[in-house]
C-alpha atoms as a PDB file:
ATOM      1  CA  MET A   1      29.534  10.003 -18.776  1.00  0.00           C
ATOM      2  CA  VAL A   2      26.190   8.269 -18.183  1.00  0.00           C
ATOM      3  CA  SER A   3      25.950   4.740 -19.526  1.00  0.00           C
ATOM      4  CA  ARG A   4      22.976   3.460 -21.509  1.00  0.00           C
ATOM      5  CA  VAL A   5      21.899   1.312 -18.573  1.00  0.00           C
ATOM      6  CA  GLU A   6      22.006   4.305 -16.204  1.00  0.00           C
ATOM      7  CA  SER A   7      20.129   6.440 -18.709  1.00  0.00           C
ATOM      8  CA  ALA A   8      17.464   3.762 -19.170  1.00  0.00           C
ATOM      9  CA  ALA A   9      17.110   3.391 -15.396  1.00  0.00           C
ATOM     10  CA  ALA A  10      16.760   7.163 -14.997  1.00  0.00           C
ATOM     11  CA  THR A  11      14.108   7.271 -17.738  1.00  0.00           C
ATOM     12  CA  ARG A  12      12.198   4.388 -16.143  1.00  0.00           C
ATOM     13  CA  ARG A  13      12.321   6.148 -12.747  1.00  0.00           C
ATOM     14  CA  ALA A  14      11.091   9.416 -14.301  1.00  0.00           C
ATOM     15  CA  LEU A  15       8.216   7.549 -15.965  1.00  0.00           C
ATOM     16  CA  LEU A  16       7.235   5.845 -12.705  1.00  0.00           C
ATOM     17  CA  ASP A  17       7.382   9.137 -10.795  1.00  0.00           C
ATOM     18  CA  ALA A  18       5.290  10.919 -13.429  1.00  0.00           C
ATOM     19  CA  ALA A  19       2.738   8.097 -13.433  1.00  0.00           C
ATOM     20  CA  ALA A  20       2.555   8.125  -9.621  1.00  0.00           C
ATOM     21  CA  ASP A  21       1.903  11.887  -9.669  1.00  0.00           C
ATOM     22  CA  LEU A  22      -0.860  11.442 -12.240  1.00  0.00           C
ATOM     23  CA  LEU A  23      -2.356   8.614 -10.198  1.00  0.00           C
ATOM     24  CA  ASP A  24      -2.375  10.756  -7.061  1.00  0.00           C
ATOM     25  CA  SER A  25      -3.974  13.703  -8.819  1.00  0.00           C
ATOM     26  CA  GLY A  26      -6.630  11.937 -10.884  1.00  0.00           C
ATOM     27  CA  GLY A  27      -6.736   8.211 -10.266  1.00  0.00           C
ATOM     28  CA  PRO A  28      -5.931   5.438 -12.744  1.00  0.00           C
ATOM     29  CA  GLU A  29      -8.006   7.122 -15.459  1.00  0.00           C
ATOM     30  CA  ALA A  30      -5.586  10.067 -15.472  1.00  0.00           C
ATOM     31  CA  VAL A  31      -2.624   7.795 -16.204  1.00  0.00           C
ATOM     32  CA  THR A  32      -1.994   7.391 -19.916  1.00  0.00           C
ATOM     33  CA  LEU A  33       1.354   6.382 -21.367  1.00  0.00           C
ATOM     34  CA  ARG A  34       1.293   9.473 -23.571  1.00  0.00           C
ATOM     35  CA  GLU A  35       0.753  11.831 -20.616  1.00  0.00           C
ATOM     36  CA  VAL A  36       3.294   9.948 -18.500  1.00  0.00           C
ATOM     37  CA  GLY A  37       5.882  10.410 -21.246  1.00  0.00           C
ATOM     38  CA  ALA A  38       5.046  14.099 -21.601  1.00  0.00           C
ATOM     39  CA  ARG A  39       5.347  14.666 -17.837  1.00  0.00           C
ATOM     40  CA  ALA A  40       8.624  12.773 -17.735  1.00  0.00           C
ATOM     41  CA  GLY A  41       9.978  14.833 -20.629  1.00  0.00           C
ATOM     42  CA  VAL A  42      10.684  11.891 -22.915  1.00  0.00           C
ATOM     43  CA  THR A  43       9.626  10.958 -26.418  1.00  0.00           C
ATOM     44  CA  ARG A  44       6.167   9.498 -27.071  1.00  0.00           C
ATOM     45  CA  GLY A  45       7.625   6.064 -27.666  1.00  0.00           C
ATOM     46  CA  ALA A  46       9.827   5.966 -24.573  1.00  0.00           C
ATOM     47  CA  PRO A  47       7.153   4.716 -22.148  1.00  0.00           C
ATOM     48  CA  TYR A  48       6.476   1.724 -24.404  1.00  0.00           C
ATOM     49  CA  ARG A  49      10.131   0.691 -24.285  1.00  0.00           C
ATOM     50  CA  HIS A  50       9.842   0.345 -20.494  1.00  0.00           C
ATOM     51  CA  PHE A  51       6.218  -0.767 -20.019  1.00  0.00           C
ATOM     52  CA  PRO A  52       4.188  -2.769 -22.521  1.00  0.00           C
ATOM     53  CA  ASN A  53       0.946  -1.131 -21.400  1.00  0.00           C
ATOM     54  CA  LYS A  54      -0.709   1.065 -18.784  1.00  0.00           C
ATOM     55  CA  ASP A  55      -1.702  -1.920 -16.640  1.00  0.00           C
ATOM     56  CA  SER A  56       1.905  -3.019 -16.307  1.00  0.00           C
ATOM     57  CA  LEU A  57       2.976   0.511 -15.389  1.00  0.00           C
ATOM     58  CA  LEU A  58       0.294   0.787 -12.691  1.00  0.00           C
ATOM     59  CA  THR A  59       1.164  -2.654 -11.358  1.00  0.00           C
ATOM     60  CA  VAL A  60       4.814  -1.624 -10.971  1.00  0.00           C
ATOM     61  CA  ILE A  61       3.687   1.473  -9.046  1.00  0.00           C
ATOM     62  CA  ALA A  62       1.569  -0.711  -6.751  1.00  0.00           C
ATOM     63  CA  SER A  63       4.443  -3.150  -6.324  1.00  0.00           C
ATOM     64  CA  GLU A  64       6.822  -0.364  -5.291  1.00  0.00           C
ATOM     65  CA  ALA A  65       4.228   0.973  -2.850  1.00  0.00           C
ATOM     66  CA  LEU A  66       3.827  -2.484  -1.316  1.00  0.00           C
ATOM     67  CA  ASP A  67       7.606  -2.742  -0.973  1.00  0.00           C
ATOM     68  CA  GLN A  68       7.626   0.644   0.794  1.00  0.00           C
ATOM     69  CA  LEU A  69       4.791  -0.488   3.060  1.00  0.00           C
ATOM     70  CA  THR A  70       6.783  -3.620   3.913  1.00  0.00           C
ATOM     71  CA  ASP A  71       9.837  -1.519   4.771  1.00  0.00           C
ATOM     72  CA  ASP A  72       7.750   0.826   6.910  1.00  0.00           C
ATOM     73  CA  ILE A  73       6.119  -2.028   8.822  1.00  0.00           C
ATOM     74  CA  ARG A  74       9.471  -3.744   9.286  1.00  0.00           C
ATOM     75  CA  ALA A  75      10.790  -0.461  10.703  1.00  0.00           C
ATOM     76  CA  VAL A  76       7.874  -0.353  13.154  1.00  0.00           C
ATOM     77  CA  ARG A  77       8.731  -3.885  14.279  1.00  0.00           C
ATOM     78  CA  SER A  78      12.419  -3.135  14.746  1.00  0.00           C
ATOM     79  CA  ARG A  79      12.068   0.378  16.165  1.00  0.00           C
ATOM     80  CA  LEU A  80       9.266  -0.018  18.674  1.00  0.00           C
ATOM     81  CA  ARG A  81       9.792  -1.620  22.010  1.00  0.00           C
ATOM     82  CA  THR A  82       6.149  -1.969  22.895  1.00  0.00           C
ATOM     83  CA  SER A  83       3.445  -4.573  23.200  1.00  0.00           C
ATOM     84  CA  SER A  84       2.270  -6.600  20.227  1.00  0.00           C
ATOM     85  CA  ALA A  85      -0.963  -4.601  20.311  1.00  0.00           C
ATOM     86  CA  GLY A  86       1.044  -1.356  20.205  1.00  0.00           C
ATOM     87  CA  MET A  87       3.036  -2.603  17.236  1.00  0.00           C
ATOM     88  CA  LEU A  88      -0.144  -3.616  15.428  1.00  0.00           C
ATOM     89  CA  GLN A  89      -1.647  -0.194  16.123  1.00  0.00           C
ATOM     90  CA  GLN A  90       1.434   1.506  14.633  1.00  0.00           C
ATOM     91  CA  ALA A  91       1.551  -0.801  11.599  1.00  0.00           C
ATOM     92  CA  LEU A  92      -2.114  -0.110  10.880  1.00  0.00           C
ATOM     93  CA  SER A  93      -1.463   3.610  11.219  1.00  0.00           C
ATOM     94  CA  VAL A  94       1.215   3.293   8.532  1.00  0.00           C
ATOM     95  CA  LEU A  95      -1.296   1.551   6.259  1.00  0.00           C
ATOM     96  CA  MET A  96      -4.037   4.082   6.966  1.00  0.00           C
ATOM     97  CA  ASP A  97      -1.656   6.970   6.268  1.00  0.00           C
ATOM     98  CA  VAL A  98      -1.291   5.668   2.715  1.00  0.00           C
ATOM     99  CA  GLY A  99      -5.074   5.344   2.394  1.00  0.00           C
ATOM    100  CA  ARG A 100      -5.690   8.868   3.663  1.00  0.00           C
ATOM    101  CA  GLY A 101      -2.818  10.544   1.828  1.00  0.00           C
ATOM    102  CA  GLN A 102      -2.905   8.631  -1.454  1.00  0.00           C
ATOM    103  CA  PRO A 103      -6.323   6.987  -1.808  1.00  0.00           C
ATOM    104  CA  HIS A 104      -5.873   6.039  -5.471  1.00  0.00           C
ATOM    105  CA  LEU A 105      -2.545   4.357  -4.744  1.00  0.00           C
ATOM    106  CA  TYR A 106      -4.044   2.621  -1.715  1.00  0.00           C
ATOM    107  CA  ARG A 107      -6.833   1.103  -3.824  1.00  0.00           C
ATOM    108  CA  LEU A 108      -4.328   0.099  -6.494  1.00  0.00           C
ATOM    109  CA  MET A 109      -2.172  -1.675  -3.892  1.00  0.00           C
ATOM    110  CA  PHE A 110      -5.109  -3.898  -2.983  1.00  0.00           C
ATOM    111  CA  THR A 111      -6.310  -4.588  -6.516  1.00  0.00           C
ATOM    112  CA  SER A 112      -5.343  -7.831  -8.232  1.00  0.00           C
ATOM    113  CA  PRO A 113      -2.280  -7.056 -10.343  1.00  0.00           C
ATOM    114  CA  VAL A 114      -2.584  -7.065 -14.123  1.00  0.00           C
ATOM    115  CA  GLY A 115      -0.056  -6.632 -16.884  1.00  0.00           C
ATOM    116  CA  ASP A 116       2.713  -8.745 -18.294  1.00  0.00           C
ATOM    117  CA  THR A 117       3.660 -11.888 -16.376  1.00  0.00           C
ATOM    118  CA  ALA A 118       6.941 -10.646 -14.895  1.00  0.00           C
ATOM    119  CA  VAL A 119       5.307  -7.495 -13.528  1.00  0.00           C
ATOM    120  CA  VAL A 120       2.381  -9.437 -12.060  1.00  0.00           C
ATOM    121  CA  ASP A 121       4.737 -11.962 -10.451  1.00  0.00           C
ATOM    122  CA  ALA A 122       6.807  -9.159  -8.890  1.00  0.00           C
ATOM    123  CA  ALA A 123       3.669  -7.465  -7.551  1.00  0.00           C
ATOM    124  CA  GLU A 124       2.403 -10.710  -6.053  1.00  0.00           C
ATOM    125  CA  ARG A 125       5.740 -11.240  -4.310  1.00  0.00           C
ATOM    126  CA  ALA A 126       5.628  -7.660  -2.986  1.00  0.00           C
ATOM    127  CA  GLY A 127       2.124  -8.278  -1.652  1.00  0.00           C
ATOM    128  CA  GLU A 128       3.257 -11.497   0.012  1.00  0.00           C
ATOM    129  CA  ARG A 129       6.148  -9.705   1.727  1.00  0.00           C
ATOM    130  CA  ALA A 130       3.804  -7.046   3.101  1.00  0.00           C
ATOM    131  CA  GLN A 131       1.365  -9.736   4.214  1.00  0.00           C
ATOM    132  CA  ASP A 132       4.152 -11.638   5.958  1.00  0.00           C
ATOM    133  CA  GLU A 133       5.098  -8.543   7.982  1.00  0.00           C
ATOM    134  CA  PHE A 134       1.496  -8.037   9.100  1.00  0.00           C
ATOM    135  CA  LEU A 135       1.095 -11.717   9.890  1.00  0.00           C
ATOM    136  CA  ALA A 136       4.220 -11.666  12.054  1.00  0.00           C
ATOM    137  CA  ILE A 137       2.839  -8.797  14.146  1.00  0.00           C
ATOM    138  CA  ILE A 138      -0.623 -10.295  14.383  1.00  0.00           C
ATOM    139  CA  GLY A 139       0.788 -13.744  15.133  1.00  0.00           C
ATOM    140  CA  ASP A 140       2.724 -12.266  18.056  1.00  0.00           C
ATOM    141  CA  LEU A 141      -0.567 -10.947  19.412  1.00  0.00           C
ATOM    142  CA  VAL A 142      -3.018 -13.821  18.844  1.00  0.00           C
ATOM    143  CA  GLY A 143      -0.770 -16.776  18.102  1.00  0.00           C
ATOM    144  CA  GLU A 144       0.422 -18.057  14.764  1.00  0.00           C
ATOM    145  CA  GLN A 145      -2.476 -20.493  14.365  1.00  0.00           C
ATOM    146  CA  TYR A 146      -5.003 -17.595  14.429  1.00  0.00           C
ATOM    147  CA  ALA A 147      -2.920 -15.005  12.596  1.00  0.00           C
ATOM    148  CA  ARG A 148      -4.526 -15.349   9.156  1.00  0.00           C
ATOM    149  CA  HIS A 149      -8.067 -15.287  10.530  1.00  0.00           C
ATOM    150  CA  PHE A 150      -7.441 -12.132  12.542  1.00  0.00           C
ATOM    151  CA  ALA A 151      -5.377 -10.551   9.779  1.00  0.00           C
ATOM    152  CA  ALA A 152      -8.337 -10.889   7.409  1.00  0.00           C
ATOM    153  CA  LEU A 153     -10.681  -9.412  10.019  1.00  0.00           C
ATOM    154  CA  ILE A 154      -8.327  -6.544  10.789  1.00  0.00           C
ATOM    155  CA  LEU A 155      -7.515  -5.666   7.179  1.00  0.00           C
ATOM    156  CA  ALA A 156     -11.178  -5.830   6.121  1.00  0.00           C
ATOM    157  CA  SER A 157     -12.065  -3.529   9.006  1.00  0.00           C
ATOM    158  CA  VAL A 158      -9.205  -1.114   8.364  1.00  0.00           C
ATOM    159  CA  HIS A 159     -10.005  -0.992   4.643  1.00  0.00           C
ATOM    160  CA  GLY A 160     -13.598  -0.108   5.517  1.00  0.00           C
ATOM    161  CA  VAL A 161     -12.567   2.576   7.999  1.00  0.00           C
ATOM    162  CA  THR A 162     -10.019   4.004   5.563  1.00  0.00           C
ATOM    163  CA  ASP A 163     -12.542   4.030   2.709  1.00  0.00           C
ATOM    164  CA  MET A 164     -15.181   5.742   4.873  1.00  0.00           C
ATOM    165  CA  HIS A 165     -12.622   8.344   5.896  1.00  0.00           C
ATOM    166  CA  ALA A 166     -11.399   8.924   2.342  1.00  0.00           C
ATOM    167  CA  HIS A 167     -14.947   9.495   1.097  1.00  0.00           C
ATOM    168  CA  GLY A 168     -15.954  11.792   3.946  1.00  0.00           C
ATOM    169  CA  HIS A 169     -18.382   9.335   5.526  1.00  0.00           C
ATOM    170  CA  LEU A 170     -16.598   9.238   8.867  1.00  0.00           C
ATOM    171  CA  ALA A 171     -17.309  12.750  10.061  1.00  0.00           C
ATOM    172  CA  THR A 172     -16.761  13.088  13.808  1.00  0.00           C
ATOM    173  CA  ASP A 173     -19.997  15.062  14.216  1.00  0.00           C
ATOM    174  CA  LYS A 174     -21.919  12.121  12.718  1.00  0.00           C
ATOM    175  CA  TRP A 175     -20.202   9.203  14.460  1.00  0.00           C
ATOM    176  CA  ASN A 176     -18.474  10.946  17.373  1.00  0.00           C
ATOM    177  CA  THR A 177     -15.227   9.124  16.630  1.00  0.00           C
ATOM    178  CA  THR A 178     -12.229   9.172  14.320  1.00  0.00           C
ATOM    179  CA  ALA A 179     -10.659   6.589  12.045  1.00  0.00           C
ATOM    180  CA  GLN A 180      -7.755   6.213  14.440  1.00  0.00           C
ATOM    181  CA  GLU A 181     -10.081   5.684  17.417  1.00  0.00           C
ATOM    182  CA  LEU A 182     -11.974   2.972  15.543  1.00  0.00           C
ATOM    183  CA  VAL A 183      -8.780   1.121  14.714  1.00  0.00           C
ATOM    184  CA  SER A 184      -7.595   1.522  18.283  1.00  0.00           C
ATOM    185  CA  THR A 185     -10.874  -0.010  19.492  1.00  0.00           C
ATOM    186  CA  LEU A 186     -10.467  -2.920  17.091  1.00  0.00           C
ATOM    187  CA  VAL A 187      -6.906  -3.586  18.234  1.00  0.00           C
ATOM    188  CA  SER A 188      -7.990  -3.368  21.891  1.00  0.00           C
ATOM    189  CA  MET A 189     -10.802  -5.857  21.310  1.00  0.00           C
ATOM    190  CA  ILE A 190      -8.442  -8.304  19.646  1.00  0.00           C
ATOM    191  CA  ASP A 191      -5.860  -7.804  22.381  1.00  0.00           C
ATOM    192  CA  ARG A 192      -8.486  -8.560  25.043  1.00  0.00           C
ATOM    193  CA  TYR A 193      -9.519 -11.652  23.098  1.00  0.00           C
ATOM    194  CA  ALA A 194      -5.891 -12.771  22.882  1.00  0.00           C
ATOM    195  CA  GLN A 195      -5.346 -12.210  26.615  1.00  0.00           C
ATOM    196  CA  GLY A 196      -8.390 -14.344  27.411  1.00  0.00           C
ATOM    197  CA  ALA A 197      -7.599 -17.123  24.954  1.00  0.00           C
END
């Protein structure tokens, strides 16, 4: 027999999965608590027992995505036996895969969290964990003292490349390159800088 706690956890998971599907298909505007509940097959009031509002629900989705990103980057660090530049290239590929495959989720992950305090705090901690993983890789490449500076440069660049790709502005016939080639060039430039420093 399923306990109340297990049933509540299953309902919460179904709501999060339904909301994530709606987000992927139509962006944040497509996510309403009523539609999430309908997709999850629960009563109209059920979503409100788990999430006080839409913002909190979306922030939990972003938080979970950041946790997954952290796990994926950690796996790159533990799995790859390559140079720091190679690890950075792979970690950025993981990030760009989210941006290309789930552009609405990607934007949500890098939006300031909103919602009730506990949800916002959890999302901020998830973002910090993901940032720490990137900083560790970048610090191995350029040195800890320069890690934040280069991390900001790299993430700003990768966000721009990912956004251009997602909106069709990075056509190879126009620029004669791909998103992956641009990121590879960026990593190579930073690696050369680090080797000369």
